[in-house]
Amino acid sequence: MYQLRASRRYGRYLRLTKGGLLRIDAAKRREAEQLDGKFVVHSNDDSLTPADC
């Protein structure tokens, strides 16, 4: 159970209840859904155009 909580992939979406149970944190899940499928590309090379990146 604690391995799942410590997971870099899933742990951020879990919360521990007062009774010691793991539950999905709905607010963090909704927050992640807003970014689902979006990618950001950035570069420090000023000579590149957006199309080149």
PDB file of N, CA and C in Angstrom:
ATOM      1  N   MET A   1       0.828  -1.189   0.000  1.00  0.00           N
ATOM      2  CA  MET A   1       0.000   0.000   0.000  1.00  0.00           C
ATOM      3  C   MET A   1       0.872   1.252   0.000  1.00  0.00           C
ATOM      4  N   TYR A   2       1.905   1.273   0.816  1.00  0.00           N
ATOM      5  CA  TYR A   2       2.743   2.468   0.891  1.00  0.00           C
ATOM      6  C   TYR A   2       3.653   2.602  -0.323  1.00  0.00           C
ATOM      7  N   GLN A   3       3.903   1.470  -1.023  1.00  0.00           N
ATOM      8  CA  GLN A   3       4.681   1.543  -2.251  1.00  0.00           C
ATOM      9  C   GLN A   3       3.910   2.317  -3.314  1.00  0.00           C
ATOM     10  N   LEU A   4       2.614   2.129  -3.346  1.00  0.00           N
ATOM     11  CA  LEU A   4       1.779   2.857  -4.292  1.00  0.00           C
ATOM     12  C   LEU A   4       1.784   4.345  -3.964  1.00  0.00           C
ATOM     13  N   ARG A   5       1.712   4.669  -2.694  1.00  0.00           N
ATOM     14  CA  ARG A   5       1.733   6.074  -2.256  1.00  0.00           C
ATOM     15  C   ARG A   5       3.080   6.724  -2.587  1.00  0.00           C
ATOM     16  N   ALA A   6       4.159   5.977  -2.509  1.00  0.00           N
ATOM     17  CA  ALA A   6       5.499   6.497  -2.788  1.00  0.00           C
ATOM     18  C   ALA A   6       5.805   6.535  -4.284  1.00  0.00           C
ATOM     19  N   SER A   7       4.936   5.970  -5.095  1.00  0.00           N
ATOM     20  CA  SER A   7       5.147   5.920  -6.532  1.00  0.00           C
ATOM     21  C   SER A   7       5.190   7.331  -7.121  1.00  0.00           C
ATOM     22  N   ARG A   8       6.159   7.575  -7.984  1.00  0.00           N
ATOM     23  CA  ARG A   8       6.260   8.880  -8.644  1.00  0.00           C
ATOM     24  C   ARG A   8       5.114   9.078  -9.626  1.00  0.00           C
ATOM     25  N   ARG A   9       4.588   7.980 -10.137  1.00  0.00           N
ATOM     26  CA  ARG A   9       3.536   8.049 -11.140  1.00  0.00           C
ATOM     27  C   ARG A   9       2.148   8.231 -10.517  1.00  0.00           C
ATOM     28  N   TYR A  10       1.843   7.464  -9.476  1.00  0.00           N
ATOM     29  CA  TYR A  10       0.499   7.460  -8.914  1.00  0.00           C
ATOM     30  C   TYR A  10       0.385   8.167  -7.567  1.00  0.00           C
ATOM     31  N   GLY A  11       1.469   8.273  -6.842  1.00  0.00           N
ATOM     32  CA  GLY A  11       1.437   8.810  -5.491  1.00  0.00           C
ATOM     33  C   GLY A  11       0.891  10.218  -5.385  1.00  0.00           C
ATOM     34  N   ARG A  12       1.105  11.023  -6.397  1.00  0.00           N
ATOM     35  CA  ARG A  12       0.631  12.411  -6.347  1.00  0.00           C
ATOM     36  C   ARG A  12      -0.884  12.518  -6.376  1.00  0.00           C
ATOM     37  N   TYR A  13      -1.570  11.462  -6.809  1.00  0.00           N
ATOM     38  CA  TYR A  13      -3.024  11.486  -6.908  1.00  0.00           C
ATOM     39  C   TYR A  13      -3.716  10.807  -5.723  1.00  0.00           C
ATOM     40  N   LEU A  14      -2.951  10.359  -4.761  1.00  0.00           N
ATOM     41  CA  LEU A  14      -3.507   9.645  -3.620  1.00  0.00           C
ATOM     42  C   LEU A  14      -3.394  10.471  -2.354  1.00  0.00           C
ATOM     43  N   ARG A  15      -4.333  10.242  -1.449  1.00  0.00           N
ATOM     44  CA  ARG A  15      -4.260  10.866  -0.134  1.00  0.00           C
ATOM     45  C   ARG A  15      -4.509   9.788   0.907  1.00  0.00           C
ATOM     46  N   LEU A  16      -3.985   9.989   2.083  1.00  0.00           N
ATOM     47  CA  LEU A  16      -4.135   9.050   3.177  1.00  0.00           C
ATOM     48  C   LEU A  16      -5.211   9.570   4.118  1.00  0.00           C
ATOM     49  N   THR A  17      -6.229   8.770   4.379  1.00  0.00           N
ATOM     50  CA  THR A  17      -7.298   9.190   5.278  1.00  0.00           C
ATOM     51  C   THR A  17      -6.842   9.056   6.727  1.00  0.00           C
ATOM     52  N   LYS A  18      -7.624   9.610   7.642  1.00  0.00           N
ATOM     53  CA  LYS A  18      -7.303   9.513   9.067  1.00  0.00           C
ATOM     54  C   LYS A  18      -7.289   8.071   9.530  1.00  0.00           C
ATOM     55  N   GLY A  19      -8.084   7.236   8.876  1.00  0.00           N
ATOM     56  CA  GLY A  19      -8.135   5.816   9.218  1.00  0.00           C
ATOM     57  C   GLY A  19      -7.011   4.994   8.602  1.00  0.00           C
ATOM     58  N   GLY A  20      -6.139   5.640   7.818  1.00  0.00           N
ATOM     59  CA  GLY A  20      -5.006   4.956   7.221  1.00  0.00           C
ATOM     60  C   GLY A  20      -5.282   4.331   5.864  1.00  0.00           C
ATOM     61  N   LEU A  21      -6.411   4.693   5.245  1.00  0.00           N
ATOM     62  CA  LEU A  21      -6.743   4.154   3.932  1.00  0.00           C
ATOM     63  C   LEU A  21      -6.307   5.113   2.835  1.00  0.00           C
ATOM     64  N   LEU A  22      -5.964   4.567   1.680  1.00  0.00           N
ATOM     65  CA  LEU A  22      -5.615   5.388   0.531  1.00  0.00           C
ATOM     66  C   LEU A  22      -6.869   5.701  -0.263  1.00  0.00           C
ATOM     67  N   ARG A  23      -7.006   6.938  -0.656  1.00  0.00           N
ATOM     68  CA  ARG A  23      -8.128   7.378  -1.480  1.00  0.00           C
ATOM     69  C   ARG A  23      -7.588   8.253  -2.598  1.00  0.00           C
ATOM     70  N   ILE A  24      -8.303   8.278  -3.722  1.00  0.00           N
ATOM     71  CA  ILE A  24      -7.912   9.134  -4.841  1.00  0.00           C
ATOM     72  C   ILE A  24      -8.288  10.569  -4.502  1.00  0.00           C
ATOM     73  N   ASP A  25      -7.349  11.478  -4.693  1.00  0.00           N
ATOM     74  CA  ASP A  25      -7.594  12.902  -4.456  1.00  0.00           C
ATOM     75  C   ASP A  25      -8.254  13.467  -5.712  1.00  0.00           C
ATOM     76  N   ALA A  26      -9.556  13.719  -5.632  1.00  0.00           N
ATOM     77  CA  ALA A  26     -10.342  14.129  -6.798  1.00  0.00           C
ATOM     78  C   ALA A  26      -9.870  15.475  -7.351  1.00  0.00           C
ATOM     79  N   ALA A  27      -9.481  16.397  -6.492  1.00  0.00           N
ATOM     80  CA  ALA A  27      -9.035  17.718  -6.953  1.00  0.00           C
ATOM     81  C   ALA A  27      -7.756  17.596  -7.775  1.00  0.00           C
ATOM     82  N   LYS A  28      -6.824  16.791  -7.326  1.00  0.00           N
ATOM     83  CA  LYS A  28      -5.575  16.610  -8.079  1.00  0.00           C
ATOM     84  C   LYS A  28      -5.818  15.868  -9.383  1.00  0.00           C
ATOM     85  N   ARG A  29      -6.778  14.952  -9.371  1.00  0.00           N
ATOM     86  CA  ARG A  29      -7.120  14.232 -10.597  1.00  0.00           C
ATOM     87  C   ARG A  29      -7.713  15.182 -11.633  1.00  0.00           C
ATOM     88  N   ARG A  30      -8.634  16.049 -11.212  1.00  0.00           N
ATOM     89  CA  ARG A  30      -9.232  17.023 -12.135  1.00  0.00           C
ATOM     90  C   ARG A  30      -8.172  17.973 -12.673  1.00  0.00           C
ATOM     91  N   GLU A  31      -7.242  18.378 -11.814  1.00  0.00           N
ATOM     92  CA  GLU A  31      -6.157  19.264 -12.232  1.00  0.00           C
ATOM     93  C   GLU A  31      -5.315  18.604 -13.332  1.00  0.00           C
ATOM     94  N   ALA A  32      -5.016  17.332 -13.155  1.00  0.00           N
ATOM     95  CA  ALA A  32      -4.218  16.601 -14.146  1.00  0.00           C
ATOM     96  C   ALA A  32      -4.993  16.409 -15.446  1.00  0.00           C
ATOM     97  N   GLU A  33      -6.296  16.243 -15.356  1.00  0.00           N
ATOM     98  CA  GLU A  33      -7.113  16.077 -16.565  1.00  0.00           C
ATOM     99  C   GLU A  33      -7.051  17.317 -17.443  1.00  0.00           C
ATOM    100  N   GLN A  34      -6.904  18.482 -16.846  1.00  0.00           N
ATOM    101  CA  GLN A  34      -6.841  19.720 -17.620  1.00  0.00           C
ATOM    102  C   GLN A  34      -5.591  19.766 -18.501  1.00  0.00           C
ATOM    103  N   LEU A  35      -4.533  19.084 -18.085  1.00  0.00           N
ATOM    104  CA  LEU A  35      -3.280  19.093 -18.834  1.00  0.00           C
ATOM    105  C   LEU A  35      -3.107  17.856 -19.714  1.00  0.00           C
ATOM    106  N   ASP A  36      -4.026  16.939 -19.644  1.00  0.00           N
ATOM    107  CA  ASP A  36      -3.905  15.686 -20.362  1.00  0.00           C
ATOM    108  C   ASP A  36      -3.829  15.926 -21.871  1.00  0.00           C
ATOM    109  N   GLY A  37      -2.784  15.410 -22.491  1.00  0.00           N
ATOM    110  CA  GLY A  37      -2.623  15.523 -23.938  1.00  0.00           C
ATOM    111  C   GLY A  37      -1.939  16.792 -24.404  1.00  0.00           C
ATOM    112  N   LYS A  38      -1.527  17.656 -23.495  1.00  0.00           N
ATOM    113  CA  LYS A  38      -0.860  18.901 -23.875  1.00  0.00           C
ATOM    114  C   LYS A  38       0.636  18.766 -23.634  1.00  0.00           C
ATOM    115  N   PHE A  39       1.407  19.225 -24.588  1.00  0.00           N
ATOM    116  CA  PHE A  39       2.854  19.165 -24.496  1.00  0.00           C
ATOM    117  C   PHE A  39       3.428  20.554 -24.727  1.00  0.00           C
ATOM    118  N   VAL A  40       4.491  20.875 -24.037  1.00  0.00           N
ATOM    119  CA  VAL A  40       5.153  22.172 -24.185  1.00  0.00           C
ATOM    120  C   VAL A  40       6.579  21.920 -24.648  1.00  0.00           C
ATOM    121  N   VAL A  41       6.962  22.594 -25.712  1.00  0.00           N
ATOM    122  CA  VAL A  41       8.320  22.498 -26.215  1.00  0.00           C
ATOM    123  C   VAL A  41       8.952  23.874 -26.064  1.00  0.00           C
ATOM    124  N   HIS A  42      10.130  23.914 -25.458  1.00  0.00           N
ATOM    125  CA  HIS A  42      10.814  25.197 -25.327  1.00  0.00           C
ATOM    126  C   HIS A  42      12.284  25.020 -25.661  1.00  0.00           C
ATOM    127  N   SER A  43      12.890  26.105 -26.061  1.00  0.00           N
ATOM    128  CA  SER A  43      14.297  26.073 -26.456  1.00  0.00           C
ATOM    129  C   SER A  43      14.916  27.410 -26.087  1.00  0.00           C
ATOM    130  N   ASN A  44      16.206  27.392 -25.826  1.00  0.00           N
ATOM    131  CA  ASN A  44      16.907  28.640 -25.545  1.00  0.00           C
ATOM    132  C   ASN A  44      17.674  29.135 -26.789  1.00  0.00           C
ATOM    133  N   ASP A  45      17.424  28.509 -27.924  1.00  0.00           N
ATOM    134  CA  ASP A  45      18.034  28.921 -29.181  1.00  0.00           C
ATOM    135  C   ASP A  45      17.125  29.946 -29.870  1.00  0.00           C
ATOM    136  N   ASP A  46      17.501  31.213 -29.808  1.00  0.00           N
ATOM    137  CA  ASP A  46      16.674  32.299 -30.364  1.00  0.00           C
ATOM    138  C   ASP A  46      16.594  32.281 -31.889  1.00  0.00           C
ATOM    139  N   SER A  47      17.455  31.534 -32.545  1.00  0.00           N
ATOM    140  CA  SER A  47      17.445  31.514 -34.011  1.00  0.00           C
ATOM    141  C   SER A  47      16.376  30.570 -34.565  1.00  0.00           C
ATOM    142  N   LEU A  48      15.773  29.745 -33.735  1.00  0.00           N
ATOM    143  CA  LEU A  48      14.752  28.808 -34.201  1.00  0.00           C
ATOM    144  C   LEU A  48      13.391  29.487 -34.262  1.00  0.00           C
ATOM    145  N   THR A  49      12.660  29.162 -35.318  1.00  0.00           N
ATOM    146  CA  THR A  49      11.281  29.645 -35.428  1.00  0.00           C
ATOM    147  C   THR A  49      10.373  28.646 -34.706  1.00  0.00           C
ATOM    148  N   PRO A  50       9.150  29.026 -34.398  1.00  0.00           N
ATOM    149  CA  PRO A  50       8.241  28.060 -33.776  1.00  0.00           C
ATOM    150  C   PRO A  50       8.056  26.794 -34.605  1.00  0.00           C
ATOM    151  N   ALA A  51       8.048  26.934 -35.918  1.00  0.00           N
ATOM    152  CA  ALA A  51       7.892  25.765 -36.786  1.00  0.00           C
ATOM    153  C   ALA A  51       9.113  24.850 -36.693  1.00  0.00           C
ATOM    154  N   ASP A  52      10.305  25.430 -36.539  1.00  0.00           N
ATOM    155  CA  ASP A  52      11.522  24.630 -36.437  1.00  0.00           C
ATOM    156  C   ASP A  52      11.569  23.846 -35.123  1.00  0.00           C
ATOM    157  N   CYS A  53      11.025  24.421 -34.090  1.00  0.00           N
ATOM    158  CA  CYS A  53      11.038  23.715 -32.797  1.00  0.00           C
ATOM    159  C   CYS A  53      10.166  22.485 -32.874  1.00  0.00           C
TER     160      CYS A  53
END
